[in-house]
Amino acid sequence: MWEAGGRTSRKRHLLGICMVIALASTPTLAADADQGKAIAKRWCATCHLVDRDQTNATDKAPPFASIARMPDFSENKLAFLLLLPHPNMPRLSLSRSETADLADYIATLK
């Protein structure tokens, strides 16, 4: 009896490992910088300079090009930060893919 249950448990464990490997090797959708630029213009341009051609923004929010040139800039870290509420910014209602697109766009401004 224990032997059969042990085999079932091992089969489930092996199946779980196979699923993790399959999911890890599945290509993810790449972030879209063009979509990120559109998001930046819609959500961020009131406060930040989001484009090299933009001339008006508040002086309290850093330009996106400055953010991109920060020594510790990371698209993943920025995307994660955008998902969390933080002071001095309105609560954004962006999906994970939208935050990835926005971070990818900011990275193009280095």
Foldseek 3Di string as FASTA:
>chain_A
DVVVVVVVVVVVVVVVVVVVVVVVPDDDDAAAQVLLLVVCVVFPVQAEQADPPDDDHHPVDYHLLVLLPPPPDDLVVQLVVLCDDDPPGDNDDDDSSNSSNNSVNSNVSD
